[in-house]
Structures are given as structure tokens and as C-alpha cells.
């Protein structure tokens, strides 16, 4: 079993609840450029985005989307970092391990 961080201990969650942002959920069928645009838009608007993926294909698309979003944001002189962590989510009464990534300016 992979180590996980309870949601209350996830990066930046302890700083402020007022800046909560919806989680961008990525599937293996997600278009990485569309997800990248969503990440860039959320970072521009809220100064941070959270991306969630479950499964190898989804994690692959999410990582590609973050790399593409870095390019989109660099055009606006926004240099972002990614903080990945594991979390447990419940889907259809089953607990699954997800990879979450916090994307925020350096």
C-alpha cells in the first residue's frame, strides 16, 4: 500500500480554507491540452490548482497536462511548481488511492 496523506495534512491545506479551489479530475481519456488549459486558467484566477488522477493512464495524462500548463503560464511570466501526494478517495463505496498534485507559483 502506498503512503498517503490525510486531506487535513495535504500541502497548503493548513494555510487557509478561504482559498479552496475545485479539484480538476483527470481520466485516462482526458485530452492533456484541455486539462492544461483548465490548470492554467485556475492558476491565473486563484493562484493555485489541484489536479487528481486515479490509475496509471490518468496519472500520465495529468503529468502531461501539468507540463503543458507550465508552458502556457510561462508566457505570462508565471513559473509554477508541482507538489504531488497520495490521498484516499471513496468512489462507489470503494476506497481508492489517488495522486493529487498542487500546482502553484514558485
PDB file of N, CA and C in Angstrom:
ATOM      1  N   UNK A   1       0.839  -1.186   0.000  1.00  0.00           N
ATOM      2  CA  UNK A   1       0.000   0.000   0.000  1.00  0.00           C
ATOM      3  C   UNK A   1       0.881   1.245   0.000  1.00  0.00           C
ATOM      4  N   UNK A   2       0.524   2.216  -0.803  1.00  0.00           N
ATOM      5  CA  UNK A   2       1.283   3.454  -0.921  1.00  0.00           C
ATOM      6  C   UNK A   2       1.023   4.347   0.284  1.00  0.00           C
ATOM      7  N   UNK A   3       2.030   5.090   0.703  1.00  0.00           N
ATOM      8  CA  UNK A   3       1.790   6.050   1.795  1.00  0.00           C
ATOM      9  C   UNK A   3       0.816   7.126   1.327  1.00  0.00           C
ATOM     10  N   UNK A   4       0.014   7.579   2.223  1.00  0.00           N
ATOM     11  CA  UNK A   4      -0.933   8.630   1.862  1.00  0.00           C
ATOM     12  C   UNK A   4      -0.926   9.716   2.924  1.00  0.00           C
ATOM     13  N   UNK A   5      -1.455  10.843   2.534  1.00  0.00           N
ATOM     14  CA  UNK A   5      -1.585  11.961   3.454  1.00  0.00           C
ATOM     15  C   UNK A   5      -3.070  12.231   3.624  1.00  0.00           C
ATOM     16  N   UNK A   6      -3.559  12.235   4.825  1.00  0.00           N
ATOM     17  CA  UNK A   6      -4.963  12.591   5.013  1.00  0.00           C
ATOM     18  C   UNK A   6      -5.205  13.999   4.478  1.00  0.00           C
ATOM     19  N   UNK A   7      -6.404  14.266   3.963  1.00  0.00           N
ATOM     20  CA  UNK A   7      -6.676  15.583   3.393  1.00  0.00           C
ATOM     21  C   UNK A   7      -6.295  16.740   4.311  1.00  0.00           C
ATOM     22  N   UNK A   8      -6.448  16.574   5.625  1.00  0.00           N
ATOM     23  CA  UNK A   8      -6.133  17.683   6.513  1.00  0.00           C
ATOM     24  C   UNK A   8      -4.630  17.949   6.601  1.00  0.00           C
ATOM     25  N   UNK A   9      -3.793  17.038   6.124  1.00  0.00           N
ATOM     26  CA  UNK A   9      -2.347  17.239   6.163  1.00  0.00           C
ATOM     27  C   UNK A   9      -1.762  17.499   4.784  1.00  0.00           C
ATOM     28  N   UNK A  10      -2.594  17.614   3.775  1.00  0.00           N
ATOM     29  CA  UNK A  10      -2.114  17.835   2.413  1.00  0.00           C
ATOM     30  C   UNK A  10      -1.442  19.205   2.313  1.00  0.00           C
ATOM     31  N   UNK A  11      -0.481  19.356   1.384  1.00  0.00           N
ATOM     32  CA  UNK A  11       0.218  20.635   1.252  1.00  0.00           C
ATOM     33  C   UNK A  11      -0.749  21.802   1.069  1.00  0.00           C
ATOM     34  N   UNK A  12      -0.466  22.877   1.738  1.00  0.00           N
ATOM     35  CA  UNK A  12      -1.191  24.145   1.666  1.00  0.00           C
ATOM     36  C   UNK A  12      -2.595  24.113   2.248  1.00  0.00           C
ATOM     37  N   UNK A  13      -3.146  22.944   2.543  1.00  0.00           N
ATOM     38  CA  UNK A  13      -4.491  22.896   3.096  1.00  0.00           C
ATOM     39  C   UNK A  13      -4.538  23.497   4.488  1.00  0.00           C
ATOM     40  N   UNK A  14      -3.417  23.506   5.181  1.00  0.00           N
ATOM     41  CA  UNK A  14      -3.395  24.036   6.536  1.00  0.00           C
ATOM     42  C   UNK A  14      -3.339  25.556   6.554  1.00  0.00           C
ATOM     43  N   UNK A  15      -2.910  26.155   5.436  1.00  0.00           N
ATOM     44  CA  UNK A  15      -2.734  27.610   5.414  1.00  0.00           C
ATOM     45  C   UNK A  15      -4.056  28.357   5.496  1.00  0.00           C
ATOM     46  N   UNK A  16      -4.996  28.016   4.607  1.00  0.00           N
ATOM     47  CA  UNK A  16      -6.225  28.780   4.595  1.00  0.00           C
ATOM     48  C   UNK A  16      -7.322  28.025   3.876  1.00  0.00           C
ATOM     49  N   UNK A  17      -8.470  27.974   4.477  1.00  0.00           N
ATOM     50  CA  UNK A  17      -9.614  27.319   3.850  1.00  0.00           C
ATOM     51  C   UNK A  17     -10.318  28.273   2.894  1.00  0.00           C
ATOM     52  N   UNK A  18     -10.049  29.567   2.975  1.00  0.00           N
ATOM     53  CA  UNK A  18     -10.756  30.536   2.134  1.00  0.00           C
ATOM     54  C   UNK A  18     -10.352  30.443   0.675  1.00  0.00           C
ATOM     55  N   UNK A  19      -9.185  29.869   0.385  1.00  0.00           N
ATOM     56  CA  UNK A  19      -8.708  29.782  -0.980  1.00  0.00           C
ATOM     57  C   UNK A  19      -8.979  28.415  -1.606  1.00  0.00           C
ATOM     58  N   UNK A  20     -10.011  27.727  -1.125  1.00  0.00           N
ATOM     59  CA  UNK A  20     -10.293  26.402  -1.667  1.00  0.00           C
ATOM     60  C   UNK A  20     -10.703  26.515  -3.130  1.00  0.00           C
ATOM     61  N   UNK A  21     -10.210  25.565  -3.911  1.00  0.00           N
ATOM     62  CA  UNK A  21     -10.443  25.543  -5.344  1.00  0.00           C
ATOM     63  C   UNK A  21     -10.957  24.150  -5.687  1.00  0.00           C
ATOM     64  N   UNK A  22     -11.873  24.064  -6.650  1.00  0.00           N
ATOM     65  CA  UNK A  22     -12.349  22.756  -7.084  1.00  0.00           C
ATOM     66  C   UNK A  22     -11.184  21.931  -7.624  1.00  0.00           C
ATOM     67  N   UNK A  23     -11.266  20.634  -7.436  1.00  0.00           N
ATOM     68  CA  UNK A  23     -10.225  19.728  -7.907  1.00  0.00           C
ATOM     69  C   UNK A  23     -10.478  19.416  -9.377  1.00  0.00           C
ATOM     70  N   UNK A  24      -9.441  19.514 -10.182  1.00  0.00           N
ATOM     71  CA  UNK A  24      -9.520  19.147 -11.600  1.00  0.00           C
ATOM     72  C   UNK A  24      -9.271  17.644 -11.668  1.00  0.00           C
ATOM     73  N   UNK A  25     -10.304  16.891 -12.048  1.00  0.00           N
ATOM     74  CA  UNK A  25     -10.204  15.434 -12.096  1.00  0.00           C
ATOM     75  C   UNK A  25      -9.852  14.998 -13.513  1.00  0.00           C
ATOM     76  N   UNK A  26      -8.826  14.158 -13.606  1.00  0.00           N
ATOM     77  CA  UNK A  26      -8.296  13.736 -14.905  1.00  0.00           C
ATOM     78  C   UNK A  26      -8.505  12.237 -15.062  1.00  0.00           C
ATOM     79  N   UNK A  27      -8.954  11.828 -16.234  1.00  0.00           N
ATOM     80  CA  UNK A  27      -9.087  10.402 -16.546  1.00  0.00           C
ATOM     81  C   UNK A  27      -8.076  10.039 -17.629  1.00  0.00           C
ATOM     82  N   UNK A  28      -7.964   8.760 -17.900  1.00  0.00           N
ATOM     83  CA  UNK A  28      -7.044   8.301 -18.945  1.00  0.00           C
ATOM     84  C   UNK A  28      -7.472   8.815 -20.319  1.00  0.00           C
ATOM     85  N   UNK A  29      -8.742   9.147 -20.478  1.00  0.00           N
ATOM     86  CA  UNK A  29      -9.258   9.635 -21.765  1.00  0.00           C
ATOM     87  C   UNK A  29      -9.261  11.158 -21.877  1.00  0.00           C
ATOM     88  N   UNK A  30      -8.840  11.856 -20.829  1.00  0.00           N
ATOM     89  CA  UNK A  30      -8.799  13.321 -20.861  1.00  0.00           C
ATOM     90  C   UNK A  30      -7.777  13.802 -21.887  1.00  0.00           C
ATOM     91  N   UNK A  31      -8.134  14.869 -22.597  1.00  0.00           N
ATOM     92  CA  UNK A  31      -7.174  15.481 -23.523  1.00  0.00           C
ATOM     93  C   UNK A  31      -6.221  16.343 -22.694  1.00  0.00           C
ATOM     94  N   UNK A  32      -4.932  16.047 -22.790  1.00  0.00           N
ATOM     95  CA  UNK A  32      -3.954  16.746 -21.947  1.00  0.00           C
ATOM     96  C   UNK A  32      -3.934  18.250 -22.220  1.00  0.00           C
ATOM     97  N   UNK A  33      -4.169  18.677 -23.467  1.00  0.00           N
ATOM     98  CA  UNK A  33      -4.171  20.116 -23.753  1.00  0.00           C
ATOM     99  C   UNK A  33      -5.377  20.810 -23.123  1.00  0.00           C
ATOM    100  N   UNK A  34      -6.521  20.121 -23.089  1.00  0.00           N
ATOM    101  CA  UNK A  34      -7.712  20.703 -22.457  1.00  0.00           C
ATOM    102  C   UNK A  34      -7.514  20.817 -20.943  1.00  0.00           C
ATOM    103  N   UNK A  35      -6.944  19.781 -20.347  1.00  0.00           N
ATOM    104  CA  UNK A  35      -6.663  19.822 -18.907  1.00  0.00           C
ATOM    105  C   UNK A  35      -5.634  20.909 -18.611  1.00  0.00           C
ATOM    106  N   UNK A  36      -4.635  21.040 -19.471  1.00  0.00           N
ATOM    107  CA  UNK A  36      -3.608  22.078 -19.290  1.00  0.00           C
ATOM    108  C   UNK A  36      -4.233  23.473 -19.307  1.00  0.00           C
ATOM    109  N   UNK A  37      -5.163  23.685 -20.222  1.00  0.00           N
ATOM    110  CA  UNK A  37      -5.855  24.976 -20.268  1.00  0.00           C
ATOM    111  C   UNK A  37      -6.639  25.243 -18.998  1.00  0.00           C
ATOM    112  N   UNK A  38      -7.276  24.192 -18.466  1.00  0.00           N
ATOM    113  CA  UNK A  38      -8.024  24.339 -17.213  1.00  0.00           C
ATOM    114  C   UNK A  38      -7.082  24.657 -16.057  1.00  0.00           C
ATOM    115  N   UNK A  39      -5.958  23.959 -15.995  1.00  0.00           N
ATOM    116  CA  UNK A  39      -4.974  24.210 -14.930  1.00  0.00           C
ATOM    117  C   UNK A  39      -4.480  25.650 -15.008  1.00  0.00           C
ATOM    118  N   UNK A  40      -4.094  26.082 -16.205  1.00  0.00           N
ATOM    119  CA  UNK A  40      -3.572  27.442 -16.385  1.00  0.00           C
ATOM    120  C   UNK A  40      -4.618  28.482 -15.992  1.00  0.00           C
ATOM    121  N   UNK A  41      -5.868  28.263 -16.401  1.00  0.00           N
ATOM    122  CA  UNK A  41      -6.930  29.210 -16.066  1.00  0.00           C
ATOM    123  C   UNK A  41      -7.173  29.302 -14.567  1.00  0.00           C
ATOM    124  N   UNK A  42      -7.175  28.155 -13.891  1.00  0.00           N
ATOM    125  CA  UNK A  42      -7.399  28.152 -12.444  1.00  0.00           C
ATOM    126  C   UNK A  42      -6.220  28.808 -11.720  1.00  0.00           C
ATOM    127  N   UNK A  43      -4.999  28.529 -12.153  1.00  0.00           N
ATOM    128  CA  UNK A  43      -3.828  29.146 -11.522  1.00  0.00           C
ATOM    129  C   UNK A  43      -3.872  30.660 -11.713  1.00  0.00           C
ATOM    130  N   UNK A  44      -4.221  31.110 -12.914  1.00  0.00           N
ATOM    131  CA  UNK A  44      -4.308  32.557 -13.160  1.00  0.00           C
ATOM    132  C   UNK A  44      -5.367  33.209 -12.270  1.00  0.00           C
ATOM    133  N   UNK A  45      -6.502  32.529 -12.103  1.00  0.00           N
ATOM    134  CA  UNK A  45      -7.615  33.107 -11.355  1.00  0.00           C
ATOM    135  C   UNK A  45      -7.471  32.965  -9.844  1.00  0.00           C
ATOM    136  N   UNK A  46      -7.006  31.804  -9.384  1.00  0.00           N
ATOM    137  CA  UNK A  46      -6.979  31.527  -7.942  1.00  0.00           C
ATOM    138  C   UNK A  46      -5.580  31.378  -7.366  1.00  0.00           C
ATOM    139  N   UNK A  47      -4.551  31.481  -8.217  1.00  0.00           N
ATOM    140  CA  UNK A  47      -3.147  31.384  -7.801  1.00  0.00           C
ATOM    141  C   UNK A  47      -2.753  29.975  -7.366  1.00  0.00           C
ATOM    142  N   UNK A  48      -3.593  28.980  -7.653  1.00  0.00           N
ATOM    143  CA  UNK A  48      -3.271  27.591  -7.311  1.00  0.00           C
ATOM    144  C   UNK A  48      -4.330  26.687  -7.908  1.00  0.00           C
ATOM    145  N   UNK A  49      -3.925  25.482  -8.291  1.00  0.00           N
ATOM    146  CA  UNK A  49      -4.862  24.488  -8.814  1.00  0.00           C
ATOM    147  C   UNK A  49      -4.527  23.137  -8.195  1.00  0.00           C
ATOM    148  N   UNK A  50      -5.538  22.283  -8.071  1.00  0.00           N
ATOM    149  CA  UNK A  50      -5.313  20.910  -7.628  1.00  0.00           C
ATOM    150  C   UNK A  50      -5.816  19.976  -8.702  1.00  0.00           C
ATOM    151  N   UNK A  51      -4.990  18.987  -9.028  1.00  0.00           N
ATOM    152  CA  UNK A  51      -5.294  18.017 -10.068  1.00  0.00           C
ATOM    153  C   UNK A  51      -5.319  16.642  -9.409  1.00  0.00           C
ATOM    154  N   UNK A  52      -6.313  15.825  -9.761  1.00  0.00           N
ATOM    155  CA  UNK A  52      -6.425  14.483  -9.184  1.00  0.00           C
ATOM    156  C   UNK A  52      -6.521  13.455 -10.294  1.00  0.00           C
ATOM    157  N   UNK A  53      -5.800  12.339 -10.119  1.00  0.00           N
ATOM    158  CA  UNK A  53      -5.833  11.249 -11.091  1.00  0.00           C
ATOM    159  C   UNK A  53      -5.802   9.917 -10.360  1.00  0.00           C
ATOM    160  N   UNK A  54      -6.552   8.957 -10.892  1.00  0.00           N
ATOM    161  CA  UNK A  54      -6.569   7.603 -10.341  1.00  0.00           C
ATOM    162  C   UNK A  54      -6.237   6.644 -11.473  1.00  0.00           C
ATOM    163  N   UNK A  55      -5.163   5.886 -11.302  1.00  0.00           N
ATOM    164  CA  UNK A  55      -4.751   4.925 -12.318  1.00  0.00           C
ATOM    165  C   UNK A  55      -3.608   5.457 -13.171  1.00  0.00           C
ATOM    166  N   UNK A  56      -2.855   4.519 -13.730  1.00  0.00           N
ATOM    167  CA  UNK A  56      -1.648   4.875 -14.484  1.00  0.00           C
ATOM    168  C   UNK A  56      -1.941   5.770 -15.682  1.00  0.00           C
ATOM    169  N   UNK A  57      -2.970   5.454 -16.453  1.00  0.00           N
ATOM    170  CA  UNK A  57      -3.298   6.261 -17.628  1.00  0.00           C
ATOM    171  C   UNK A  57      -3.700   7.672 -17.265  1.00  0.00           C
ATOM    172  N   UNK A  58      -4.479   7.790 -16.199  1.00  0.00           N
ATOM    173  CA  UNK A  58      -4.910   9.117 -15.750  1.00  0.00           C
ATOM    174  C   UNK A  58      -3.740   9.931 -15.215  1.00  0.00           C
ATOM    175  N   UNK A  59      -2.852   9.286 -14.452  1.00  0.00           N
ATOM    176  CA  UNK A  59      -1.671   9.987 -13.931  1.00  0.00           C
ATOM    177  C   UNK A  59      -0.792  10.457 -15.097  1.00  0.00           C
ATOM    178  N   UNK A  60      -0.648   9.629 -16.120  1.00  0.00           N
ATOM    179  CA  UNK A  60       0.127  10.009 -17.299  1.00  0.00           C
ATOM    180  C   UNK A  60      -0.458  11.267 -17.949  1.00  0.00           C
ATOM    181  N   UNK A  61      -1.765  11.297 -18.160  1.00  0.00           N
ATOM    182  CA  UNK A  61      -2.407  12.457 -18.778  1.00  0.00           C
ATOM    183  C   UNK A  61      -2.274  13.692 -17.887  1.00  0.00           C
ATOM    184  N   UNK A  62      -2.382  13.498 -16.578  1.00  0.00           N
ATOM    185  CA  UNK A  62      -2.277  14.626 -15.651  1.00  0.00           C
ATOM    186  C   UNK A  62      -0.881  15.235 -15.671  1.00  0.00           C
ATOM    187  N   UNK A  63       0.144  14.376 -15.672  1.00  0.00           N
ATOM    188  CA  UNK A  63       1.522  14.878 -15.697  1.00  0.00           C
ATOM    189  C   UNK A  63       1.790  15.626 -17.002  1.00  0.00           C
ATOM    190  N   UNK A  64       1.324  15.074 -18.126  1.00  0.00           N
ATOM    191  CA  UNK A  64       1.496  15.768 -19.406  1.00  0.00           C
ATOM    192  C   UNK A  64       0.783  17.116 -19.377  1.00  0.00           C
ATOM    193  N   UNK A  65      -0.420  17.144 -18.800  1.00  0.00           N
ATOM    194  CA  UNK A  65      -1.181  18.395 -18.730  1.00  0.00           C
ATOM    195  C   UNK A  65      -0.456  19.442 -17.891  1.00  0.00           C
ATOM    196  N   UNK A  66       0.143  19.027 -16.792  1.00  0.00           N
ATOM    197  CA  UNK A  66       0.882  19.971 -15.947  1.00  0.00           C
ATOM    198  C   UNK A  66       2.082  20.526 -16.711  1.00  0.00           C
ATOM    199  N   UNK A  67       2.781  19.667 -17.444  1.00  0.00           N
ATOM    200  CA  UNK A  67       3.937  20.129 -18.234  1.00  0.00           C
ATOM    201  C   UNK A  67       3.498  21.134 -19.298  1.00  0.00           C
ATOM    202  N   UNK A  68       2.384  20.857 -19.958  1.00  0.00           N
ATOM    203  CA  UNK A  68       1.866  21.785 -20.977  1.00  0.00           C
ATOM    204  C   UNK A  68       1.415  23.087 -20.319  1.00  0.00           C
ATOM    205  N   UNK A  69       0.746  22.996 -19.176  1.00  0.00           N
ATOM    206  CA  UNK A  69       0.285  24.197 -18.459  1.00  0.00           C
ATOM    207  C   UNK A  69       1.452  25.078 -18.044  1.00  0.00           C
ATOM    208  N   UNK A  70       2.577  24.464 -17.675  1.00  0.00           N
ATOM    209  CA  UNK A  70       3.765  25.270 -17.331  1.00  0.00           C
ATOM    210  C   UNK A  70       4.151  26.155 -18.516  1.00  0.00           C
ATOM    211  N   UNK A  71       4.078  25.584 -19.712  1.00  0.00           N
ATOM    212  CA  UNK A  71       4.379  26.369 -20.913  1.00  0.00           C
ATOM    213  C   UNK A  71       3.391  27.499 -21.120  1.00  0.00           C
ATOM    214  N   UNK A  72       2.091  27.198 -20.968  1.00  0.00           N
ATOM    215  CA  UNK A  72       1.065  28.238 -21.106  1.00  0.00           C
ATOM    216  C   UNK A  72       1.302  29.365 -20.107  1.00  0.00           C
ATOM    217  N   UNK A  73       1.594  29.011 -18.860  1.00  0.00           N
ATOM    218  CA  UNK A  73       1.760  30.012 -17.810  1.00  0.00           C
ATOM    219  C   UNK A  73       3.069  30.784 -17.946  1.00  0.00           C
ATOM    220  N   UNK A  74       4.089  30.148 -18.504  1.00  0.00           N
ATOM    221  CA  UNK A  74       5.370  30.842 -18.661  1.00  0.00           C
ATOM    222  C   UNK A  74       5.241  32.020 -19.623  1.00  0.00           C
ATOM    223  N   UNK A  75       4.282  31.943 -20.549  1.00  0.00           N
ATOM    224  CA  UNK A  75       4.035  33.071 -21.461  1.00  0.00           C
ATOM    225  C   UNK A  75       3.571  34.306 -20.693  1.00  0.00           C
ATOM    226  N   UNK A  76       3.006  34.101 -19.504  1.00  0.00           N
ATOM    227  CA  UNK A  76       2.573  35.204 -18.635  1.00  0.00           C
ATOM    228  C   UNK A  76       3.553  35.439 -17.494  1.00  0.00           C
ATOM    229  N   UNK A  77       4.784  34.910 -17.645  1.00  0.00           N
ATOM    230  CA  UNK A  77       5.830  35.016 -16.619  1.00  0.00           C
ATOM    231  C   UNK A  77       5.390  34.427 -15.277  1.00  0.00           C
ATOM    232  N   UNK A  78       4.626  33.349 -15.323  1.00  0.00           N
ATOM    233  CA  UNK A  78       4.240  32.631 -14.107  1.00  0.00           C
ATOM    234  C   UNK A  78       4.976  31.298 -14.125  1.00  0.00           C
ATOM    235  N   UNK A  79       5.897  31.108 -13.175  1.00  0.00           N
ATOM    236  CA  UNK A  79       6.671  29.877 -13.058  1.00  0.00           C
ATOM    237  C   UNK A  79       6.039  29.039 -11.947  1.00  0.00           C
ATOM    238  N   UNK A  80       5.514  27.873 -12.309  1.00  0.00           N
ATOM    239  CA  UNK A  80       4.818  27.058 -11.315  1.00  0.00           C
ATOM    240  C   UNK A  80       5.630  25.844 -10.900  1.00  0.00           C
ATOM    241  N   UNK A  81       5.329  25.389  -9.694  1.00  0.00           N
ATOM    242  CA  UNK A  81       5.893  24.141  -9.185  1.00  0.00           C
ATOM    243  C   UNK A  81       4.738  23.168  -8.967  1.00  0.00           C
ATOM    244  N   UNK A  82       5.075  21.895  -8.832  1.00  0.00           N
ATOM    245  CA  UNK A  82       4.070  20.858  -8.613  1.00  0.00           C
ATOM    246  C   UNK A  82       4.424  20.101  -7.339  1.00  0.00           C
ATOM    247  N   UNK A  83       3.450  19.942  -6.471  1.00  0.00           N
ATOM    248  CA  UNK A  83       3.641  19.195  -5.228  1.00  0.00           C
ATOM    249  C   UNK A  83       2.698  17.993  -5.283  1.00  0.00           C
ATOM    250  N   UNK A  84       3.237  16.802  -5.588  1.00  0.00           N
ATOM    251  CA  UNK A  84       2.374  15.612  -5.662  1.00  0.00           C
ATOM    252  C   UNK A  84       2.241  14.924  -4.314  1.00  0.00           C
ATOM    253  N   UNK A  85       1.106  14.301  -4.095  1.00  0.00           N
ATOM    254  CA  UNK A  85       0.913  13.486  -2.891  1.00  0.00           C
ATOM    255  C   UNK A  85      -0.194  12.468  -3.141  1.00  0.00           C
ATOM    256  N   UNK A  86      -0.208  11.413  -2.327  1.00  0.00           N
ATOM    257  CA  UNK A  86      -1.251  10.399  -2.399  1.00  0.00           C
ATOM    258  C   UNK A  86      -2.375  10.762  -1.441  1.00  0.00           C
ATOM    259  N   UNK A  87      -3.597  10.407  -1.837  1.00  0.00           N
ATOM    260  CA  UNK A  87      -4.746  10.588  -0.971  1.00  0.00           C
ATOM    261  C   UNK A  87      -5.729   9.461  -1.226  1.00  0.00           C
ATOM    262  N   UNK A  88      -6.554   9.187  -0.262  1.00  0.00           N
ATOM    263  CA  UNK A  88      -7.580   8.157  -0.411  1.00  0.00           C
ATOM    264  C   UNK A  88      -8.898   8.836  -0.755  1.00  0.00           C
ATOM    265  N   UNK A  89      -9.600   8.297  -1.757  1.00  0.00           N
ATOM    266  CA  UNK A  89     -10.913   8.815  -2.138  1.00  0.00           C
ATOM    267  C   UNK A  89     -11.885   7.645  -2.179  1.00  0.00           C
ATOM    268  N   UNK A  90     -13.156   7.928  -1.944  1.00  0.00           N
ATOM    269  CA  UNK A  90     -14.180   6.896  -1.995  1.00  0.00           C
ATOM    270  C   UNK A  90     -14.996   7.090  -3.264  1.00  0.00           C
ATOM    271  N   UNK A  91     -15.027   6.045  -4.091  1.00  0.00           N
ATOM    272  CA  UNK A  91     -15.788   6.066  -5.338  1.00  0.00           C
ATOM    273  C   UNK A  91     -16.656   4.814  -5.352  1.00  0.00           C
ATOM    274  N   UNK A  92     -17.971   5.022  -5.456  1.00  0.00           N
ATOM    275  CA  UNK A  92     -18.931   3.915  -5.461  1.00  0.00           C
ATOM    276  C   UNK A  92     -18.683   2.960  -4.284  1.00  0.00           C
ATOM    277  N   UNK A  93     -18.564   3.536  -3.102  1.00  0.00           N
ATOM    278  CA  UNK A  93     -18.357   2.780  -1.856  1.00  0.00           C
ATOM    279  C   UNK A  93     -17.048   2.004  -1.808  1.00  0.00           C
ATOM    280  N   UNK A  94     -16.102   2.330  -2.673  1.00  0.00           N
ATOM    281  CA  UNK A  94     -14.782   1.693  -2.637  1.00  0.00           C
ATOM    282  C   UNK A  94     -13.722   2.748  -2.394  1.00  0.00           C
ATOM    283  N   UNK A  95     -12.773   2.437  -1.519  1.00  0.00           N
ATOM    284  CA  UNK A  95     -11.674   3.356  -1.254  1.00  0.00           C
ATOM    285  C   UNK A  95     -10.592   3.123  -2.302  1.00  0.00           C
ATOM    286  N   UNK A  96     -10.173   4.212  -2.935  1.00  0.00           N
ATOM    287  CA  UNK A  96      -9.141   4.143  -3.972  1.00  0.00           C
ATOM    288  C   UNK A  96      -8.028   5.116  -3.626  1.00  0.00           C
ATOM    289  N   UNK A  97      -6.823   4.806  -4.070  1.00  0.00           N
ATOM    290  CA  UNK A  97      -5.697   5.716  -3.884  1.00  0.00           C
ATOM    291  C   UNK A  97      -5.594   6.598  -5.121  1.00  0.00           C
ATOM    292  N   UNK A  98      -5.554   7.889  -4.891  1.00  0.00           N
ATOM    293  CA  UNK A  98      -5.423   8.852  -5.984  1.00  0.00           C
ATOM    294  C   UNK A  98      -4.118   9.615  -5.830  1.00  0.00           C
ATOM    295  N   UNK A  99      -3.613  10.108  -6.944  1.00  0.00           N
ATOM    296  CA  UNK A  99      -2.479  11.029  -6.926  1.00  0.00           C
ATOM    297  C   UNK A  99      -3.072  12.422  -7.075  1.00  0.00           C
ATOM    298  N   UNK A 100      -2.722  13.290  -6.152  1.00  0.00           N
ATOM    299  CA  UNK A 100      -3.128  14.701  -6.256  1.00  0.00           C
ATOM    300  C   UNK A 100      -1.893  15.538  -6.443  1.00  0.00           C
ATOM    301  N   UNK A 101      -2.040  16.582  -7.243  1.00  0.00           N
ATOM    302  CA  UNK A 101      -0.940  17.499  -7.492  1.00  0.00           C
ATOM    303  C   UNK A 101      -1.409  18.921  -7.238  1.00  0.00           C
ATOM    304  N   UNK A 102      -0.694  19.617  -6.390  1.00  0.00           N
ATOM    305  CA  UNK A 102      -0.927  21.043  -6.176  1.00  0.00           C
ATOM    306  C   UNK A 102      -0.025  21.765  -7.162  1.00  0.00           C
ATOM    307  N   UNK A 103      -0.609  22.644  -7.952  1.00  0.00           N
ATOM    308  CA  UNK A 103       0.135  23.437  -8.928  1.00  0.00           C
ATOM    309  C   UNK A 103       0.020  24.880  -8.466  1.00  0.00           C
ATOM    310  N   UNK A 104       1.171  25.512  -8.175  1.00  0.00           N
ATOM    311  CA  UNK A 104       1.160  26.880  -7.677  1.00  0.00           C
ATOM    312  C   UNK A 104       2.420  27.610  -8.092  1.00  0.00           C
ATOM    313  N   UNK A 105       2.366  28.931  -8.113  1.00  0.00           N
ATOM    314  CA  UNK A 105       3.558  29.698  -8.492  1.00  0.00           C
ATOM    315  C   UNK A 105       4.718  29.460  -7.544  1.00  0.00           C
ATOM    316  N   UNK A 106       5.918  29.480  -8.109  1.00  0.00           N
ATOM    317  CA  UNK A 106       7.141  29.306  -7.336  1.00  0.00           C
ATOM    318  C   UNK A 106       7.341  30.489  -6.435  1.00  0.00           C
TER     319      UNK A 106
END
